Amino acid sequence: MRERNNFYFAKIALIIFLLTLADCASTSRTLNPNTPGPQLVVSPEKIRLGVVTLRDTNIVFQGAGFKPGDSVFLTLSGPKETKLIVAEAPIKADGTFKTSVPALTKIMEILKADVILDENFQNVVVISGPPVPEGEYIVKVNSMSTNLSAETKLTITGPNIIDKFKDWIGKITGKIRYK
């Protein structure tokens, strides 16, 4: 009987591992050096709305074809007229930039949550409402001193079962609170 339980446990662990591995696999787009004019890519192209998962996901934007010395800002537009400014970056001498979405922006703008300090001065994410809607978003990069811009797509999905488990652990440990 014990061997049967160990077999089922190993089977479940293998399934969870394979699901996690399959979910992590994504093709990363890169900038095309032969493309004239501004361009933008995002990695990963799909993010999930689990609190822990989103906090730990490094959302990186890369662009090329902009005026050296300029700056850009990136906006996210999507379902239900959602519009957010998610990042900004200076343009390098070669006309490129690379930036990522700050953790506080992911928590406050995408998850629509707050961050407070607990009695031990540790960050706690306080969820008081729903995050941005799931769906396909357009990420647009705009130059601050010229009319140069570029777009790409970013898909936002709901949390999967592993994300929900991580968030449950976060709630148990006091790192995530719900109002």
N, C-alpha and C. Protein backbone atom coordinates (compact mmCIF):
# COMPACT_ATOMS: atom_id res chain seq x y z
N MET A 1 0.82 -1.20 0.00
CA MET A 1 0.00 0.00 0.00
C MET A 1 0.87 1.26 0.00
N ARG A 2 1.94 1.21 0.80
CA ARG A 2 2.82 2.36 0.90
C ARG A 2 3.50 2.65 -0.44
N GLU A 3 3.89 1.61 -1.16
CA GLU A 3 4.53 1.77 -2.46
C GLU A 3 3.55 2.42 -3.45
N ARG A 4 2.29 2.05 -3.34
CA ARG A 4 1.27 2.64 -4.22
C ARG A 4 1.13 4.14 -3.95
N ASN A 5 1.14 4.54 -2.66
CA ASN A 5 1.05 5.97 -2.31
C ASN A 5 2.27 6.73 -2.81
N ASN A 6 3.45 6.13 -2.66
CA ASN A 6 4.67 6.77 -3.16
C ASN A 6 4.62 6.93 -4.68
N PHE A 7 4.07 5.93 -5.37
CA PHE A 7 3.94 6.00 -6.82
C PHE A 7 3.02 7.15 -7.22
N TYR A 8 1.87 7.28 -6.55
CA TYR A 8 0.94 8.36 -6.86
C TYR A 8 1.55 9.73 -6.56
N PHE A 9 2.27 9.81 -5.44
CA PHE A 9 2.93 11.06 -5.10
C PHE A 9 3.96 11.44 -6.15
N ALA A 10 4.77 10.47 -6.59
CA ALA A 10 5.79 10.73 -7.62
C ALA A 10 5.14 11.15 -8.92
N LYS A 11 4.01 10.53 -9.25
CA LYS A 11 3.28 10.87 -10.48
C LYS A 11 2.76 12.30 -10.44
N ILE A 12 2.19 12.68 -9.31
CA ILE A 12 1.67 14.05 -9.15
C ILE A 12 2.82 15.06 -9.20
N ALA A 13 3.92 14.75 -8.53
CA ALA A 13 5.08 15.65 -8.54
C ALA A 13 5.62 15.83 -9.95
N LEU A 14 5.67 14.74 -10.73
CA LEU A 14 6.15 14.81 -12.10
C LEU A 14 5.22 15.66 -12.96
N ILE A 15 3.92 15.50 -12.80
CA ILE A 15 2.95 16.29 -13.56
C ILE A 15 3.10 17.77 -13.24
N ILE A 16 3.22 18.12 -11.95
CA ILE A 16 3.40 19.52 -11.56
C ILE A 16 4.69 20.07 -12.14
N PHE A 17 5.76 19.29 -12.09
CA PHE A 17 7.04 19.73 -12.66
C PHE A 17 6.92 19.99 -14.15
N LEU A 18 6.29 19.07 -14.88
CA LEU A 18 6.14 19.22 -16.32
C LEU A 18 5.26 20.41 -16.68
N LEU A 19 4.20 20.62 -15.92
CA LEU A 19 3.34 21.79 -16.16
C LEU A 19 4.10 23.09 -15.92
N THR A 20 4.89 23.12 -14.86
CA THR A 20 5.69 24.30 -14.57
C THR A 20 6.71 24.55 -15.66
N LEU A 21 7.38 23.50 -16.09
CA LEU A 21 8.38 23.62 -17.14
C LEU A 21 7.76 24.08 -18.45
N ALA A 22 6.61 23.52 -18.80
CA ALA A 22 5.94 23.90 -20.05
C ALA A 22 5.48 25.34 -19.99
N ASP A 23 5.06 25.80 -18.80
CA ASP A 23 4.57 27.17 -18.66
C ASP A 23 5.71 28.17 -18.73
N CYS A 24 6.91 27.75 -18.32
CA CYS A 24 8.06 28.65 -18.33
C CYS A 24 8.66 28.79 -19.72
N ALA A 25 8.45 27.83 -20.56
CA ALA A 25 9.05 27.86 -21.89
C ALA A 25 8.34 28.87 -22.77
N SER A 26 9.09 29.84 -23.26
CA SER A 26 8.53 30.80 -24.20
C SER A 26 9.64 31.28 -25.11
N THR A 27 9.26 31.57 -26.31
CA THR A 27 10.26 32.08 -27.24
C THR A 27 10.45 33.56 -26.98
N SER A 28 11.67 33.98 -26.94
CA SER A 28 11.99 35.37 -26.69
C SER A 28 12.28 36.06 -28.01
N ARG A 29 11.56 37.12 -28.28
CA ARG A 29 11.80 37.87 -29.51
C ARG A 29 12.98 38.80 -29.29
N THR A 30 13.69 39.08 -30.37
CA THR A 30 14.82 39.99 -30.30
C THR A 30 14.65 41.09 -31.34
N LEU A 31 15.40 42.14 -31.16
CA LEU A 31 15.37 43.24 -32.11
C LEU A 31 15.99 42.81 -33.43
N ASN A 32 15.44 43.30 -34.53
CA ASN A 32 15.96 42.99 -35.85
C ASN A 32 16.85 44.14 -36.30
N PRO A 33 18.16 43.92 -36.41
CA PRO A 33 19.06 45.01 -36.80
C PRO A 33 18.84 45.52 -38.22
N ASN A 34 18.12 44.76 -39.05
CA ASN A 34 17.87 45.18 -40.43
C ASN A 34 16.59 45.99 -40.60
N THR A 35 15.85 46.17 -39.53
CA THR A 35 14.61 46.94 -39.60
C THR A 35 14.91 48.43 -39.44
N PRO A 36 14.53 49.23 -40.43
CA PRO A 36 14.75 50.67 -40.28
C PRO A 36 13.67 51.26 -39.37
N GLY A 37 14.01 52.29 -38.67
CA GLY A 37 13.03 52.96 -37.82
C GLY A 37 12.87 52.31 -36.46
N PRO A 38 12.00 52.88 -35.65
CA PRO A 38 11.82 52.40 -34.28
C PRO A 38 11.19 51.00 -34.23
N GLN A 39 11.63 50.24 -33.25
CA GLN A 39 11.04 48.92 -33.00
C GLN A 39 11.07 48.64 -31.50
N LEU A 40 10.20 47.72 -31.08
CA LEU A 40 10.04 47.40 -29.66
C LEU A 40 9.76 45.91 -29.52
N VAL A 41 10.39 45.26 -28.54
CA VAL A 41 10.08 43.88 -28.19
C VAL A 41 9.94 43.79 -26.68
N VAL A 42 9.14 42.81 -26.23
CA VAL A 42 8.94 42.57 -24.81
C VAL A 42 9.22 41.10 -24.52
N SER A 43 9.81 40.85 -23.38
CA SER A 43 10.07 39.49 -22.95
C SER A 43 9.76 39.37 -21.47
N PRO A 44 8.92 38.46 -21.06
CA PRO A 44 8.16 37.52 -21.85
C PRO A 44 6.99 38.21 -22.54
N GLU A 45 6.41 37.53 -23.52
CA GLU A 45 5.28 38.09 -24.26
C GLU A 45 3.96 37.81 -23.57
N LYS A 46 4.01 36.99 -22.51
CA LYS A 46 2.80 36.63 -21.77
C LYS A 46 3.14 36.64 -20.28
N ILE A 47 2.30 37.31 -19.49
CA ILE A 47 2.49 37.33 -18.03
C ILE A 47 1.21 36.87 -17.37
N ARG A 48 1.36 36.38 -16.13
CA ARG A 48 0.20 35.91 -15.37
C ARG A 48 -0.01 36.81 -14.16
N LEU A 49 -1.25 36.89 -13.71
CA LEU A 49 -1.65 37.79 -12.64
C LEU A 49 -1.55 37.19 -11.23
N GLY A 50 -0.81 36.13 -11.04
CA GLY A 50 -0.54 35.66 -9.69
C GLY A 50 0.35 36.68 -9.01
N VAL A 51 0.08 37.01 -7.75
CA VAL A 51 0.83 38.05 -7.05
C VAL A 51 2.31 37.71 -6.99
N VAL A 52 2.65 36.54 -6.49
CA VAL A 52 4.05 36.14 -6.36
C VAL A 52 4.71 36.00 -7.73
N THR A 53 4.00 35.36 -8.65
CA THR A 53 4.56 35.15 -9.98
C THR A 53 4.83 36.46 -10.69
N LEU A 54 3.88 37.39 -10.66
CA LEU A 54 4.08 38.67 -11.33
C LEU A 54 5.20 39.46 -10.67
N ARG A 55 5.24 39.45 -9.35
CA ARG A 55 6.31 40.16 -8.63
C ARG A 55 7.68 39.65 -9.05
N ASP A 56 7.79 38.33 -9.26
CA ASP A 56 9.08 37.71 -9.59
C ASP A 56 9.38 37.66 -11.08
N THR A 57 8.42 38.03 -11.93
CA THR A 57 8.64 38.02 -13.37
C THR A 57 9.34 39.30 -13.80
N ASN A 58 10.45 39.15 -14.50
CA ASN A 58 11.18 40.30 -15.01
C ASN A 58 10.64 40.62 -16.40
N ILE A 59 9.83 41.68 -16.50
CA ILE A 59 9.25 42.09 -17.77
C ILE A 59 10.21 43.11 -18.39
N VAL A 60 10.86 42.70 -19.49
CA VAL A 60 11.92 43.51 -20.09
C VAL A 60 11.48 44.03 -21.46
N PHE A 61 11.67 45.32 -21.66
CA PHE A 61 11.39 45.95 -22.96
C PHE A 61 12.72 46.37 -23.57
N GLN A 62 12.86 46.10 -24.87
CA GLN A 62 14.03 46.54 -25.62
C GLN A 62 13.55 47.26 -26.87
N GLY A 63 14.25 48.32 -27.21
CA GLY A 63 13.88 49.07 -28.40
C GLY A 63 15.11 49.55 -29.14
N ALA A 64 14.90 49.90 -30.40
CA ALA A 64 15.97 50.41 -31.25
C ALA A 64 15.37 51.38 -32.25
N GLY A 65 16.24 52.19 -32.85
CA GLY A 65 15.81 53.12 -33.88
C GLY A 65 15.37 54.47 -33.35
N PHE A 66 15.80 54.82 -32.13
CA PHE A 66 15.42 56.10 -31.52
C PHE A 66 16.60 57.06 -31.53
N LYS A 67 16.33 58.32 -31.27
CA LYS A 67 17.35 59.37 -31.29
C LYS A 67 18.25 59.25 -30.04
N PRO A 68 19.55 59.11 -30.25
CA PRO A 68 20.47 59.02 -29.11
C PRO A 68 20.33 60.22 -28.18
N GLY A 69 20.40 59.95 -26.88
CA GLY A 69 20.30 61.00 -25.88
C GLY A 69 18.87 61.34 -25.48
N ASP A 70 17.90 60.85 -26.21
CA ASP A 70 16.49 61.08 -25.90
C ASP A 70 16.05 60.14 -24.78
N SER A 71 14.80 60.22 -24.39
CA SER A 71 14.20 59.30 -23.43
C SER A 71 12.88 58.82 -24.00
N VAL A 72 12.42 57.67 -23.51
CA VAL A 72 11.14 57.12 -23.95
C VAL A 72 10.32 56.71 -22.73
N PHE A 73 9.01 56.63 -22.91
CA PHE A 73 8.15 56.04 -21.90
C PHE A 73 7.27 55.00 -22.56
N LEU A 74 6.89 53.99 -21.80
CA LEU A 74 6.13 52.87 -22.32
C LEU A 74 4.76 52.82 -21.67
N THR A 75 3.73 52.73 -22.51
CA THR A 75 2.36 52.63 -22.00
C THR A 75 1.76 51.29 -22.41
N LEU A 76 0.87 50.82 -21.57
CA LEU A 76 0.16 49.57 -21.78
C LEU A 76 -1.30 49.90 -21.96
N SER A 77 -1.89 49.53 -23.09
CA SER A 77 -3.31 49.80 -23.37
C SER A 77 -4.00 48.49 -23.68
N GLY A 78 -5.19 48.30 -23.09
CA GLY A 78 -5.86 47.03 -23.32
C GLY A 78 -7.34 47.04 -23.03
N PRO A 79 -7.87 45.88 -22.65
CA PRO A 79 -9.30 45.71 -22.43
C PRO A 79 -9.88 46.71 -21.44
N LYS A 80 -11.15 47.03 -21.64
CA LYS A 80 -11.90 47.94 -20.76
C LYS A 80 -11.20 49.29 -20.61
N GLU A 81 -10.62 49.77 -21.71
CA GLU A 81 -9.96 51.08 -21.76
C GLU A 81 -8.86 51.23 -20.72
N THR A 82 -8.19 50.14 -20.41
CA THR A 82 -7.07 50.16 -19.46
C THR A 82 -5.89 50.85 -20.12
N LYS A 83 -5.28 51.80 -19.41
CA LYS A 83 -4.09 52.47 -19.92
C LYS A 83 -3.17 52.78 -18.74
N LEU A 84 -1.94 52.29 -18.82
CA LEU A 84 -0.96 52.47 -17.75
C LEU A 84 0.39 52.88 -18.31
N ILE A 85 1.10 53.72 -17.60
CA ILE A 85 2.51 53.97 -17.92
C ILE A 85 3.30 52.98 -17.08
N VAL A 86 4.07 52.11 -17.73
CA VAL A 86 4.73 51.03 -17.01
C VAL A 86 6.25 51.16 -16.88
N ALA A 87 6.88 51.98 -17.70
CA ALA A 87 8.33 52.11 -17.62
C ALA A 87 8.80 53.33 -18.41
N GLU A 88 10.04 53.70 -18.17
CA GLU A 88 10.71 54.76 -18.93
C GLU A 88 12.16 54.37 -19.05
N ALA A 89 12.84 54.97 -20.03
CA ALA A 89 14.24 54.62 -20.24
C ALA A 89 14.96 55.70 -21.03
N PRO A 90 16.25 55.89 -20.78
CA PRO A 90 17.06 56.77 -21.62
C PRO A 90 17.51 56.01 -22.87
N ILE A 91 17.71 56.74 -23.95
CA ILE A 91 18.20 56.15 -25.20
C ILE A 91 19.73 56.22 -25.21
N LYS A 92 20.36 55.10 -25.52
CA LYS A 92 21.82 55.03 -25.57
C LYS A 92 22.34 55.68 -26.86
N ALA A 93 23.65 55.81 -26.95
CA ALA A 93 24.28 56.44 -28.11
C ALA A 93 24.01 55.70 -29.42
N ASP A 94 23.72 54.40 -29.34
CA ASP A 94 23.43 53.63 -30.57
C ASP A 94 21.94 53.63 -30.93
N GLY A 95 21.13 54.41 -30.20
CA GLY A 95 19.70 54.52 -30.50
C GLY A 95 18.84 53.42 -29.89
N THR A 96 19.40 52.65 -28.97
CA THR A 96 18.67 51.55 -28.34
C THR A 96 18.36 51.86 -26.88
N PHE A 97 17.45 51.08 -26.32
CA PHE A 97 17.20 51.14 -24.88
C PHE A 97 16.81 49.75 -24.39
N LYS A 98 16.97 49.56 -23.10
CA LYS A 98 16.52 48.34 -22.44
C LYS A 98 16.08 48.74 -21.05
N THR A 99 14.86 48.33 -20.69
CA THR A 99 14.33 48.67 -19.38
C THR A 99 13.37 47.59 -18.93
N SER A 100 13.10 47.55 -17.66
CA SER A 100 12.14 46.58 -17.15
C SER A 100 11.11 47.30 -16.27
N VAL A 101 10.00 46.62 -16.04
CA VAL A 101 8.93 47.19 -15.23
C VAL A 101 9.34 47.07 -13.76
N PRO A 102 9.38 48.19 -13.03
CA PRO A 102 9.75 48.13 -11.62
C PRO A 102 8.73 47.30 -10.81
N ALA A 103 9.20 46.67 -9.74
CA ALA A 103 8.34 45.83 -8.90
C ALA A 103 7.14 46.61 -8.37
N LEU A 104 7.37 47.84 -7.95
CA LEU A 104 6.28 48.65 -7.40
C LEU A 104 5.22 48.94 -8.47
N THR A 105 5.63 49.14 -9.70
CA THR A 105 4.68 49.36 -10.80
C THR A 105 3.87 48.10 -11.06
N LYS A 106 4.52 46.94 -11.03
CA LYS A 106 3.79 45.69 -11.22
C LYS A 106 2.73 45.52 -10.14
N ILE A 107 3.10 45.80 -8.90
CA ILE A 107 2.16 45.61 -7.79
C ILE A 107 1.06 46.66 -7.80
N MET A 108 1.43 47.92 -7.92
CA MET A 108 0.44 48.99 -7.78
C MET A 108 -0.39 49.24 -9.03
N GLU A 109 0.20 49.12 -10.20
CA GLU A 109 -0.51 49.44 -11.44
C GLU A 109 -1.16 48.22 -12.09
N ILE A 110 -0.45 47.10 -12.15
CA ILE A 110 -1.00 45.92 -12.82
C ILE A 110 -1.90 45.13 -11.87
N LEU A 111 -1.44 44.89 -10.65
CA LEU A 111 -2.26 44.16 -9.69
C LEU A 111 -3.27 45.05 -8.97
N LYS A 112 -3.10 46.37 -9.07
CA LYS A 112 -3.98 47.33 -8.39
C LYS A 112 -3.97 47.09 -6.88
N ALA A 113 -2.78 46.86 -6.33
CA ALA A 113 -2.61 46.58 -4.91
C ALA A 113 -1.75 47.66 -4.27
N ASP A 114 -1.61 47.58 -2.97
CA ASP A 114 -0.76 48.49 -2.22
C ASP A 114 0.35 47.69 -1.54
N VAL A 115 1.38 48.40 -1.11
CA VAL A 115 2.46 47.78 -0.36
C VAL A 115 2.56 48.53 0.96
N ILE A 116 2.54 47.76 2.05
CA ILE A 116 2.71 48.35 3.38
C ILE A 116 3.86 47.63 4.08
N LEU A 117 4.29 48.17 5.20
CA LEU A 117 5.31 47.52 6.02
C LEU A 117 4.61 46.88 7.21
N ASP A 118 4.99 45.65 7.53
CA ASP A 118 4.43 45.00 8.72
C ASP A 118 5.23 45.41 9.95
N GLU A 119 4.94 44.81 11.09
CA GLU A 119 5.61 45.18 12.34
C GLU A 119 7.10 44.87 12.33
N ASN A 120 7.56 44.01 11.42
CA ASN A 120 8.99 43.70 11.28
C ASN A 120 9.64 44.48 10.14
N PHE A 121 8.94 45.47 9.64
CA PHE A 121 9.40 46.32 8.53
C PHE A 121 9.65 45.52 7.25
N GLN A 122 8.84 44.50 7.02
CA GLN A 122 8.88 43.69 5.81
C GLN A 122 7.73 44.13 4.91
N ASN A 123 7.95 44.12 3.59
CA ASN A 123 6.90 44.50 2.65
C ASN A 123 5.77 43.47 2.65
N VAL A 124 4.54 43.99 2.64
CA VAL A 124 3.35 43.17 2.55
C VAL A 124 2.50 43.73 1.42
N VAL A 125 2.07 42.87 0.51
CA VAL A 125 1.20 43.28 -0.60
C VAL A 125 -0.24 43.19 -0.11
N VAL A 126 -0.98 44.29 -0.22
CA VAL A 126 -2.37 44.33 0.22
C VAL A 126 -3.26 44.41 -1.02
N ILE A 127 -4.02 43.34 -1.24
CA ILE A 127 -4.93 43.25 -2.38
C ILE A 127 -6.30 43.75 -1.93
N SER A 128 -6.79 44.80 -2.56
CA SER A 128 -8.09 45.34 -2.16
C SER A 128 -9.12 45.30 -3.29
N GLY A 129 -8.71 44.88 -4.46
CA GLY A 129 -9.64 44.83 -5.59
C GLY A 129 -9.06 43.99 -6.71
N PRO A 130 -9.76 43.93 -7.82
CA PRO A 130 -9.28 43.12 -8.94
C PRO A 130 -8.12 43.80 -9.68
N PRO A 131 -7.24 42.99 -10.28
CA PRO A 131 -6.14 43.55 -11.08
C PRO A 131 -6.66 44.04 -12.43
N VAL A 132 -5.74 44.45 -13.29
CA VAL A 132 -6.12 44.84 -14.66
C VAL A 132 -6.81 43.66 -15.31
N PRO A 133 -7.68 43.89 -16.27
CA PRO A 133 -8.37 42.78 -16.93
C PRO A 133 -7.40 41.90 -17.73
N GLU A 134 -7.74 40.63 -17.82
CA GLU A 134 -6.98 39.71 -18.65
C GLU A 134 -7.23 40.05 -20.11
N GLY A 135 -6.26 39.74 -20.95
CA GLY A 135 -6.44 39.95 -22.37
C GLY A 135 -5.16 40.36 -23.06
N GLU A 136 -5.32 40.79 -24.30
CA GLU A 136 -4.19 41.23 -25.10
C GLU A 136 -4.02 42.74 -24.98
N TYR A 137 -2.81 43.15 -24.69
CA TYR A 137 -2.49 44.57 -24.52
C TYR A 137 -1.52 45.01 -25.61
N ILE A 138 -1.59 46.27 -25.94
CA ILE A 138 -0.63 46.90 -26.84
C ILE A 138 0.33 47.71 -25.97
N VAL A 139 1.61 47.43 -26.13
CA VAL A 139 2.64 48.22 -25.45
C VAL A 139 3.17 49.20 -26.48
N LYS A 140 3.13 50.48 -26.14
CA LYS A 140 3.61 51.50 -27.07
C LYS A 140 4.74 52.27 -26.40
N VAL A 141 5.81 52.45 -27.14
CA VAL A 141 6.93 53.26 -26.68
C VAL A 141 6.88 54.57 -27.45
N ASN A 142 6.97 55.67 -26.70
CA ASN A 142 6.95 57.01 -27.30
C ASN A 142 8.20 57.77 -26.90
N SER A 143 8.80 58.42 -27.87
CA SER A 143 9.94 59.28 -27.62
C SER A 143 9.46 60.55 -26.96
N MET A 144 10.26 61.10 -26.06
CA MET A 144 9.85 62.32 -25.36
C MET A 144 10.12 63.59 -26.15
N SER A 145 11.12 63.56 -27.05
CA SER A 145 11.43 64.80 -27.77
C SER A 145 11.17 64.72 -29.27
N THR A 146 10.80 63.57 -29.78
CA THR A 146 10.46 63.43 -31.20
C THR A 146 9.13 62.69 -31.30
N ASN A 147 8.64 62.48 -32.50
CA ASN A 147 7.39 61.75 -32.67
C ASN A 147 7.62 60.27 -32.97
N LEU A 148 8.81 59.75 -32.68
CA LEU A 148 9.11 58.35 -32.91
C LEU A 148 8.37 57.46 -31.91
N SER A 149 7.81 56.36 -32.42
CA SER A 149 7.12 55.41 -31.54
C SER A 149 7.16 54.03 -32.18
N ALA A 150 6.86 53.03 -31.38
CA ALA A 150 6.78 51.64 -31.84
C ALA A 150 5.82 50.90 -30.92
N GLU A 151 5.32 49.76 -31.39
CA GLU A 151 4.36 48.97 -30.62
C GLU A 151 4.71 47.50 -30.65
N THR A 152 4.23 46.79 -29.63
CA THR A 152 4.28 45.33 -29.59
C THR A 152 3.12 44.86 -28.75
N LYS A 153 2.91 43.55 -28.69
CA LYS A 153 1.80 42.99 -27.93
C LYS A 153 2.31 42.28 -26.67
N LEU A 154 1.48 42.35 -25.63
CA LEU A 154 1.73 41.66 -24.37
C LEU A 154 0.41 41.04 -23.94
N THR A 155 0.42 39.76 -23.62
CA THR A 155 -0.78 39.07 -23.18
C THR A 155 -0.75 38.91 -21.67
N ILE A 156 -1.85 39.26 -21.02
CA ILE A 156 -1.99 39.10 -19.58
C ILE A 156 -3.06 38.06 -19.33
N THR A 157 -2.68 37.00 -18.58
CA THR A 157 -3.62 35.93 -18.27
C THR A 157 -3.82 35.84 -16.76
N GLY A 158 -4.85 35.14 -16.37
CA GLY A 158 -5.11 34.92 -14.96
C GLY A 158 -4.10 33.95 -14.36
N PRO A 159 -4.09 33.86 -13.05
CA PRO A 159 -3.16 32.94 -12.40
C PRO A 159 -3.54 31.49 -12.65
N ASN A 160 -2.53 30.62 -12.76
CA ASN A 160 -2.79 29.19 -12.88
C ASN A 160 -2.79 28.58 -11.48
N ILE A 161 -2.93 27.28 -11.38
CA ILE A 161 -3.04 26.62 -10.08
C ILE A 161 -1.77 26.77 -9.25
N ILE A 162 -0.62 26.78 -9.91
CA ILE A 162 0.65 26.95 -9.19
C ILE A 162 0.75 28.37 -8.64
N ASP A 163 0.31 29.36 -9.43
CA ASP A 163 0.30 30.75 -8.96
C ASP A 163 -0.61 30.90 -7.74
N LYS A 164 -1.77 30.27 -7.80
CA LYS A 164 -2.72 30.33 -6.69
C LYS A 164 -2.13 29.69 -5.43
N PHE A 165 -1.39 28.59 -5.63
CA PHE A 165 -0.73 27.94 -4.50
C PHE A 165 0.33 28.86 -3.89
N LYS A 166 1.14 29.49 -4.73
CA LYS A 166 2.16 30.43 -4.24
C LYS A 166 1.51 31.58 -3.48
N ASP A 167 0.41 32.10 -4.01
CA ASP A 167 -0.28 33.20 -3.34
C ASP A 167 -0.89 32.75 -2.01
N TRP A 168 -1.36 31.51 -1.95
CA TRP A 168 -1.89 30.97 -0.71
C TRP A 168 -0.78 30.89 0.34
N ILE A 169 0.40 30.43 -0.08
CA ILE A 169 1.56 30.40 0.83
C ILE A 169 1.90 31.82 1.29
N GLY A 170 1.85 32.78 0.35
CA GLY A 170 2.10 34.17 0.71
C GLY A 170 1.10 34.69 1.73
N LYS A 171 -0.13 34.28 1.60
CA LYS A 171 -1.17 34.69 2.56
C LYS A 171 -0.91 34.06 3.93
N ILE A 172 -0.57 32.78 3.92
CA ILE A 172 -0.29 32.06 5.18
C ILE A 172 0.90 32.69 5.91
N THR A 173 1.93 33.08 5.16
CA THR A 173 3.14 33.65 5.77
C THR A 173 3.01 35.14 6.08
N GLY A 174 1.89 35.75 5.68
CA GLY A 174 1.66 37.16 5.98
C GLY A 174 2.25 38.13 4.98
N LYS A 175 2.77 37.63 3.85
CA LYS A 175 3.36 38.50 2.83
C LYS A 175 2.31 39.07 1.87
N ILE A 176 1.12 38.45 1.87
CA ILE A 176 0.00 38.92 1.04
C ILE A 176 -1.22 39.00 1.93
N ARG A 177 -1.92 40.12 1.88
CA ARG A 177 -3.15 40.29 2.64
C ARG A 177 -4.26 40.71 1.68
N TYR A 178 -5.46 40.30 2.03
CA TYR A 178 -6.64 40.65 1.23
C TYR A 178 -7.56 41.50 2.09
N LYS A 179 -8.06 42.59 1.53
CA LYS A 179 -9.01 43.45 2.25
C LYS A 179 -10.41 43.04 1.91
